[in-house]
Each structure stands twice: as structure tokens, then as C-alpha cells.
Amino acid sequence: MPNNFGKWLQMQLLEKDSWQNDCAEHMGVSPATVSDWCCNRTQPAAHRKDRLATYLGVTRKTLDKYLED
């Protein structure tokens, strides 16, 4: 994938002092799913984006900037 979503997500989790497991629990997904996001294998489904932005403390606009269309 040509974007930097995975790297950005990893940085956001570090700044939040959060682990992938913490994010997964909050999001209601498996830790493997968050790992896939961090490794740019997949991206969050549309219905999860608002919740992820809230968890990270960023706006949806900021989150979308790092996601592919």
C-alpha cells in the first residue's frame, strides 16, 4: 500500500502509551486485526473509523488523511 497508515498508527499508539492489544479491546476486534492495520495489510472498516479516531484522540479528518480511498 502506498500510504503510511500503519506506521502512523504505530506512532499514535506509542504516543498514547497503548499496545495493539489495548486498541483491539477498545475497538472490539482481534489483536491480529490491529496488527494487520499496523503492517498495512488491511485498513479499518468504514464503520470502525470514528471509534478508532476517538480512541487515538484525533479527528476523523486526520485519520482519513492516512487512509486510502
PDB file of N, CA and C in Angstrom:
ATOM      1  N   MET A   1       0.838  -1.180   0.000  1.00  0.00           N
ATOM      2  CA  MET A   1       0.000   0.000   0.000  1.00  0.00           C
ATOM      3  C   MET A   1       0.882   1.242   0.000  1.00  0.00           C
ATOM      4  N   PRO A   2       0.526   2.228  -0.771  1.00  0.00           N
ATOM      5  CA  PRO A   2       1.380   3.394  -0.906  1.00  0.00           C
ATOM      6  C   PRO A   2       1.278   4.398   0.243  1.00  0.00           C
ATOM      7  N   ASN A   3       0.407   4.174   1.197  1.00  0.00           N
ATOM      8  CA  ASN A   3       0.268   5.159   2.275  1.00  0.00           C
ATOM      9  C   ASN A   3       1.098   4.772   3.496  1.00  0.00           C
ATOM     10  N   ASN A   4       1.065   5.602   4.504  1.00  0.00           N
ATOM     11  CA  ASN A   4       1.812   5.370   5.726  1.00  0.00           C
ATOM     12  C   ASN A   4       0.896   5.122   6.913  1.00  0.00           C
ATOM     13  N   PHE A   5      -0.324   4.607   6.665  1.00  0.00           N
ATOM     14  CA  PHE A   5      -1.272   4.436   7.760  1.00  0.00           C
ATOM     15  C   PHE A   5      -0.705   3.556   8.869  1.00  0.00           C
ATOM     16  N   GLY A   6      -0.138   2.427   8.518  1.00  0.00           N
ATOM     17  CA  GLY A   6       0.378   1.507   9.533  1.00  0.00           C
ATOM     18  C   GLY A   6       1.437   2.141  10.411  1.00  0.00           C
ATOM     19  N   LYS A   7       2.367   2.817   9.791  1.00  0.00           N
ATOM     20  CA  LYS A   7       3.430   3.490  10.547  1.00  0.00           C
ATOM     21  C   LYS A   7       2.841   4.603  11.423  1.00  0.00           C
ATOM     22  N   TRP A   8       1.921   5.362  10.855  1.00  0.00           N
ATOM     23  CA  TRP A   8       1.271   6.427  11.616  1.00  0.00           C
ATOM     24  C   TRP A   8       0.516   5.857  12.811  1.00  0.00           C
ATOM     25  N   LEU A   9      -0.218   4.765  12.593  1.00  0.00           N
ATOM     26  CA  LEU A   9      -0.974   4.140  13.674  1.00  0.00           C
ATOM     27  C   LEU A   9      -0.032   3.668  14.783  1.00  0.00           C
ATOM     28  N   GLN A  10       1.064   3.052  14.417  1.00  0.00           N
ATOM     29  CA  GLN A  10       2.036   2.609  15.419  1.00  0.00           C
ATOM     30  C   GLN A  10       2.543   3.792  16.245  1.00  0.00           C
ATOM     31  N   MET A  11       2.831   4.899  15.585  1.00  0.00           N
ATOM     32  CA  MET A  11       3.312   6.094  16.295  1.00  0.00           C
ATOM     33  C   MET A  11       2.232   6.630  17.239  1.00  0.00           C
ATOM     34  N   GLN A  12       0.985   6.629  16.780  1.00  0.00           N
ATOM     35  CA  GLN A  12      -0.116   7.109  17.624  1.00  0.00           C
ATOM     36  C   GLN A  12      -0.270   6.236  18.862  1.00  0.00           C
ATOM     37  N   LEU A  13      -0.154   4.937  18.689  1.00  0.00           N
ATOM     38  CA  LEU A  13      -0.259   4.025  19.830  1.00  0.00           C
ATOM     39  C   LEU A  13       0.892   4.244  20.811  1.00  0.00           C
ATOM     40  N   LEU A  14       2.093   4.465  20.290  1.00  0.00           N
ATOM     41  CA  LEU A  14       3.242   4.740  21.163  1.00  0.00           C
ATOM     42  C   LEU A  14       3.038   6.030  21.947  1.00  0.00           C
ATOM     43  N   GLU A  15       2.583   7.074  21.260  1.00  0.00           N
ATOM     44  CA  GLU A  15       2.360   8.358  21.930  1.00  0.00           C
ATOM     45  C   GLU A  15       1.270   8.252  22.991  1.00  0.00           C
ATOM     46  N   LYS A  16       0.323   7.370  22.764  1.00  0.00           N
ATOM     47  CA  LYS A  16      -0.775   7.170  23.699  1.00  0.00           C
ATOM     48  C   LYS A  16      -0.363   6.193  24.816  1.00  0.00           C
ATOM     49  N   ASP A  17       0.842   5.617  24.691  1.00  0.00           N
ATOM     50  CA  ASP A  17       1.335   4.601  25.623  1.00  0.00           C
ATOM     51  C   ASP A  17       0.353   3.430  25.657  1.00  0.00           C
ATOM     52  N   SER A  18      -0.050   3.015  24.464  1.00  0.00           N
ATOM     53  CA  SER A  18      -1.035   1.952  24.296  1.00  0.00           C
ATOM     54  C   SER A  18      -0.422   0.821  23.479  1.00  0.00           C
ATOM     55  N   TRP A  19      -0.900  -0.370  23.711  1.00  0.00           N
ATOM     56  CA  TRP A  19      -0.459  -1.541  22.965  1.00  0.00           C
ATOM     57  C   TRP A  19      -1.528  -1.906  21.948  1.00  0.00           C
ATOM     58  N   GLN A  20      -1.130  -2.706  20.976  1.00  0.00           N
ATOM     59  CA  GLN A  20      -2.085  -3.175  19.983  1.00  0.00           C
ATOM     60  C   GLN A  20      -3.236  -3.921  20.652  1.00  0.00           C
ATOM     61  N   ASN A  21      -2.940  -4.687  21.698  1.00  0.00           N
ATOM     62  CA  ASN A  21      -3.996  -5.425  22.406  1.00  0.00           C
ATOM     63  C   ASN A  21      -5.009  -4.468  23.036  1.00  0.00           C
ATOM     64  N   ASP A  22      -4.528  -3.351  23.588  1.00  0.00           N
ATOM     65  CA  ASP A  22      -5.419  -2.356  24.188  1.00  0.00           C
ATOM     66  C   ASP A  22      -6.349  -1.776  23.122  1.00  0.00           C
ATOM     67  N   CYS A  23      -5.760  -1.441  21.995  1.00  0.00           N
ATOM     68  CA  CYS A  23      -6.540  -0.878  20.892  1.00  0.00           C
ATOM     69  C   CYS A  23      -7.569  -1.895  20.408  1.00  0.00           C
ATOM     70  N   ALA A  24      -7.141  -3.139  20.263  1.00  0.00           N
ATOM     71  CA  ALA A  24      -8.042  -4.192  19.796  1.00  0.00           C
ATOM     72  C   ALA A  24      -9.226  -4.355  20.739  1.00  0.00           C
ATOM     73  N   GLU A  25      -8.960  -4.350  22.029  1.00  0.00           N
ATOM     74  CA  GLU A  25     -10.030  -4.500  23.013  1.00  0.00           C
ATOM     75  C   GLU A  25     -11.022  -3.343  22.909  1.00  0.00           C
ATOM     76  N   HIS A  26     -10.495  -2.138  22.801  1.00  0.00           N
ATOM     77  CA  HIS A  26     -11.371  -0.966  22.676  1.00  0.00           C
ATOM     78  C   HIS A  26     -12.203  -1.018  21.396  1.00  0.00           C
ATOM     79  N   MET A  27     -11.591  -1.481  20.329  1.00  0.00           N
ATOM     80  CA  MET A  27     -12.244  -1.488  19.023  1.00  0.00           C
ATOM     81  C   MET A  27     -13.178  -2.677  18.832  1.00  0.00           C
ATOM     82  N   GLY A  28     -13.050  -3.702  19.687  1.00  0.00           N
ATOM     83  CA  GLY A  28     -13.878  -4.893  19.532  1.00  0.00           C
ATOM     84  C   GLY A  28     -13.418  -5.778  18.389  1.00  0.00           C
ATOM     85  N   VAL A  29     -12.109  -5.763  18.146  1.00  0.00           N
ATOM     86  CA  VAL A  29     -11.527  -6.604  17.095  1.00  0.00           C
ATOM     87  C   VAL A  29     -10.418  -7.445  17.726  1.00  0.00           C
ATOM     88  N   SER A  30      -9.900  -8.383  16.966  1.00  0.00           N
ATOM     89  CA  SER A  30      -8.815  -9.215  17.475  1.00  0.00           C
ATOM     90  C   SER A  30      -7.489  -8.448  17.414  1.00  0.00           C
ATOM     91  N   PRO A  31      -6.535  -8.825  18.273  1.00  0.00           N
ATOM     92  CA  PRO A  31      -5.205  -8.222  18.174  1.00  0.00           C
ATOM     93  C   PRO A  31      -4.586  -8.424  16.787  1.00  0.00           C
ATOM     94  N   ALA A  32      -4.904  -9.540  16.146  1.00  0.00           N
ATOM     95  CA  ALA A  32      -4.376  -9.789  14.797  1.00  0.00           C
ATOM     96  C   ALA A  32      -4.883  -8.743  13.805  1.00  0.00           C
ATOM     97  N   THR A  33      -6.107  -8.282  13.998  1.00  0.00           N
ATOM     98  CA  THR A  33      -6.653  -7.247  13.119  1.00  0.00           C
ATOM     99  C   THR A  33      -5.874  -5.950  13.263  1.00  0.00           C
ATOM    100  N   VAL A  34      -5.594  -5.538  14.498  1.00  0.00           N
ATOM    101  CA  VAL A  34      -4.823  -4.311  14.715  1.00  0.00           C
ATOM    102  C   VAL A  34      -3.413  -4.494  14.165  1.00  0.00           C
ATOM    103  N   SER A  35      -2.847  -5.670  14.332  1.00  0.00           N
ATOM    104  CA  SER A  35      -1.523  -5.947  13.757  1.00  0.00           C
ATOM    105  C   SER A  35      -1.562  -5.791  12.239  1.00  0.00           C
ATOM    106  N   ASP A  36      -2.630  -6.281  11.612  1.00  0.00           N
ATOM    107  CA  ASP A  36      -2.774  -6.118  10.158  1.00  0.00           C
ATOM    108  C   ASP A  36      -2.824  -4.644   9.774  1.00  0.00           C
ATOM    109  N   TRP A  37      -3.517  -3.834  10.575  1.00  0.00           N
ATOM    110  CA  TRP A  37      -3.562  -2.392  10.313  1.00  0.00           C
ATOM    111  C   TRP A  37      -2.159  -1.798  10.412  1.00  0.00           C
ATOM    112  N   CYS A  38      -1.441  -2.176  11.462  1.00  0.00           N
ATOM    113  CA  CYS A  38      -0.103  -1.611  11.700  1.00  0.00           C
ATOM    114  C   CYS A  38       0.900  -2.034  10.630  1.00  0.00           C
ATOM    115  N   CYS A  39       0.670  -3.192  10.033  1.00  0.00           N
ATOM    116  CA  CYS A  39       1.574  -3.689   8.983  1.00  0.00           C
ATOM    117  C   CYS A  39       1.086  -3.357   7.578  1.00  0.00           C
ATOM    118  N   ASN A  40       0.038  -2.527   7.495  1.00  0.00           N
ATOM    119  CA  ASN A  40      -0.534  -2.123   6.202  1.00  0.00           C
ATOM    120  C   ASN A  40      -1.042  -3.293   5.373  1.00  0.00           C
ATOM    121  N   ARG A  41      -1.444  -4.381   6.035  1.00  0.00           N
ATOM    122  CA  ARG A  41      -2.046  -5.491   5.289  1.00  0.00           C
ATOM    123  C   ARG A  41      -3.517  -5.208   5.014  1.00  0.00           C
ATOM    124  N   THR A  42      -4.173  -4.564   5.974  1.00  0.00           N
ATOM    125  CA  THR A  42      -5.574  -4.167   5.816  1.00  0.00           C
ATOM    126  C   THR A  42      -5.754  -2.809   6.467  1.00  0.00           C
ATOM    127  N   GLN A  43      -6.933  -2.235   6.271  1.00  0.00           N
ATOM    128  CA  GLN A  43      -7.283  -0.978   6.916  1.00  0.00           C
ATOM    129  C   GLN A  43      -8.594  -1.153   7.668  1.00  0.00           C
ATOM    130  N   PRO A  44      -8.855  -0.298   8.636  1.00  0.00           N
ATOM    131  CA  PRO A  44     -10.103  -0.417   9.387  1.00  0.00           C
ATOM    132  C   PRO A  44     -11.321  -0.268   8.471  1.00  0.00           C
ATOM    133  N   ALA A  45     -12.334  -1.056   8.766  1.00  0.00           N
ATOM    134  CA  ALA A  45     -13.595  -0.936   8.030  1.00  0.00           C
ATOM    135  C   ALA A  45     -14.205   0.434   8.293  1.00  0.00           C
ATOM    136  N   ALA A  46     -14.997   0.893   7.373  1.00  0.00           N
ATOM    137  CA  ALA A  46     -15.591   2.228   7.465  1.00  0.00           C
ATOM    138  C   ALA A  46     -16.330   2.435   8.783  1.00  0.00           C
ATOM    139  N   HIS A  47     -17.036   1.411   9.251  1.00  0.00           N
ATOM    140  CA  HIS A  47     -17.822   1.568  10.473  1.00  0.00           C
ATOM    141  C   HIS A  47     -16.961   1.614  11.742  1.00  0.00           C
ATOM    142  N   ARG A  48     -15.674   1.384  11.617  1.00  0.00           N
ATOM    143  CA  ARG A  48     -14.776   1.430  12.773  1.00  0.00           C
ATOM    144  C   ARG A  48     -13.936   2.716  12.840  1.00  0.00           C
ATOM    145  N   LYS A  49     -13.962   3.498  11.794  1.00  0.00           N
ATOM    146  CA  LYS A  49     -13.062   4.650  11.714  1.00  0.00           C
ATOM    147  C   LYS A  49     -13.338   5.714  12.775  1.00  0.00           C
ATOM    148  N   ASP A  50     -14.600   6.031  13.023  1.00  0.00           N
ATOM    149  CA  ASP A  50     -14.904   7.038  14.048  1.00  0.00           C
ATOM    150  C   ASP A  50     -14.438   6.583  15.423  1.00  0.00           C
ATOM    151  N   ARG A  51     -14.676   5.318  15.724  1.00  0.00           N
ATOM    152  CA  ARG A  51     -14.265   4.779  17.031  1.00  0.00           C
ATOM    153  C   ARG A  51     -12.740   4.804  17.169  1.00  0.00           C
ATOM    154  N   LEU A  52     -12.028   4.466  16.100  1.00  0.00           N
ATOM    155  CA  LEU A  52     -10.569   4.486  16.145  1.00  0.00           C
ATOM    156  C   LEU A  52     -10.063   5.913  16.329  1.00  0.00           C
ATOM    157  N   ALA A  53     -10.633   6.856  15.610  1.00  0.00           N
ATOM    158  CA  ALA A  53     -10.218   8.257  15.755  1.00  0.00           C
ATOM    159  C   ALA A  53     -10.428   8.730  17.188  1.00  0.00           C
ATOM    160  N   THR A  54     -11.562   8.383  17.769  1.00  0.00           N
ATOM    161  CA  THR A  54     -11.838   8.759  19.153  1.00  0.00           C
ATOM    162  C   THR A  54     -10.823   8.123  20.099  1.00  0.00           C
ATOM    163  N   TYR A  55     -10.544   6.847  19.904  1.00  0.00           N
ATOM    164  CA  TYR A  55      -9.579   6.143  20.753  1.00  0.00           C
ATOM    165  C   TYR A  55      -8.203   6.814  20.689  1.00  0.00           C
ATOM    166  N   LEU A  56      -7.807   7.214  19.493  1.00  0.00           N
ATOM    167  CA  LEU A  56      -6.486   7.824  19.316  1.00  0.00           C
ATOM    168  C   LEU A  56      -6.457   9.299  19.711  1.00  0.00           C
ATOM    169  N   GLY A  57      -7.637   9.898  19.886  1.00  0.00           N
ATOM    170  CA  GLY A  57      -7.696  11.311  20.241  1.00  0.00           C
ATOM    171  C   GLY A  57      -7.403  12.234  19.079  1.00  0.00           C
ATOM    172  N   VAL A  58      -7.796  11.783  17.880  1.00  0.00           N
ATOM    173  CA  VAL A  58      -7.606  12.598  16.670  1.00  0.00           C
ATOM    174  C   VAL A  58      -8.960  12.779  16.002  1.00  0.00           C
ATOM    175  N   THR A  59      -9.017  13.700  15.065  1.00  0.00           N
ATOM    176  CA  THR A  59     -10.254  13.886  14.315  1.00  0.00           C
ATOM    177  C   THR A  59     -10.366  12.819  13.235  1.00  0.00           C
ATOM    178  N   ARG A  60     -11.566  12.616  12.786  1.00  0.00           N
ATOM    179  CA  ARG A  60     -11.782  11.677  11.679  1.00  0.00           C
ATOM    180  C   ARG A  60     -11.050  12.161  10.436  1.00  0.00           C
ATOM    181  N   LYS A  61     -11.002  13.467  10.241  1.00  0.00           N
ATOM    182  CA  LYS A  61     -10.299  14.049   9.088  1.00  0.00           C
ATOM    183  C   LYS A  61      -8.817  13.680   9.131  1.00  0.00           C
ATOM    184  N   THR A  62      -8.217  13.763  10.316  1.00  0.00           N
ATOM    185  CA  THR A  62      -6.805  13.385  10.456  1.00  0.00           C
ATOM    186  C   THR A  62      -6.616  11.918  10.143  1.00  0.00           C
ATOM    187  N   LEU A  63      -7.480  11.075  10.668  1.00  0.00           N
ATOM    188  CA  LEU A  63      -7.387   9.638  10.403  1.00  0.00           C
ATOM    189  C   LEU A  63      -7.515   9.363   8.916  1.00  0.00           C
ATOM    190  N   ASP A  64      -8.493   9.979   8.275  1.00  0.00           N
ATOM    191  CA  ASP A  64      -8.725   9.742   6.847  1.00  0.00           C
ATOM    192  C   ASP A  64      -7.554  10.192   5.985  1.00  0.00           C
ATOM    193  N   LYS A  65      -6.805  11.158   6.471  1.00  0.00           N
ATOM    194  CA  LYS A  65      -5.641  11.639   5.717  1.00  0.00           C
ATOM    195  C   LYS A  65      -4.625  10.515   5.494  1.00  0.00           C
ATOM    196  N   TYR A  66      -4.579   9.562   6.405  1.00  0.00           N
ATOM    197  CA  TYR A  66      -3.616   8.477   6.324  1.00  0.00           C
ATOM    198  C   TYR A  66      -4.161   7.210   5.693  1.00  0.00           C
ATOM    199  N   LEU A  67      -5.457   7.202   5.408  1.00  0.00           N
ATOM    200  CA  LEU A  67      -6.087   6.031   4.814  1.00  0.00           C
ATOM    201  C   LEU A  67      -6.294   6.218   3.321  1.00  0.00           C
ATOM    202  N   GLU A  68      -6.226   5.116   2.607  1.00  0.00           N
ATOM    203  CA  GLU A  68      -6.520   5.169   1.183  1.00  0.00           C
ATOM    204  C   GLU A  68      -8.008   5.277   0.980  1.00  0.00           C
ATOM    205  N   ASP A  69      -8.384   5.804  -0.156  1.00  0.00           N
ATOM    206  CA  ASP A  69      -9.803   5.856  -0.519  1.00  0.00           C
ATOM    207  C   ASP A  69     -10.305   4.479  -0.837  1.00  0.00           C
TER     208      ASP A  69
END
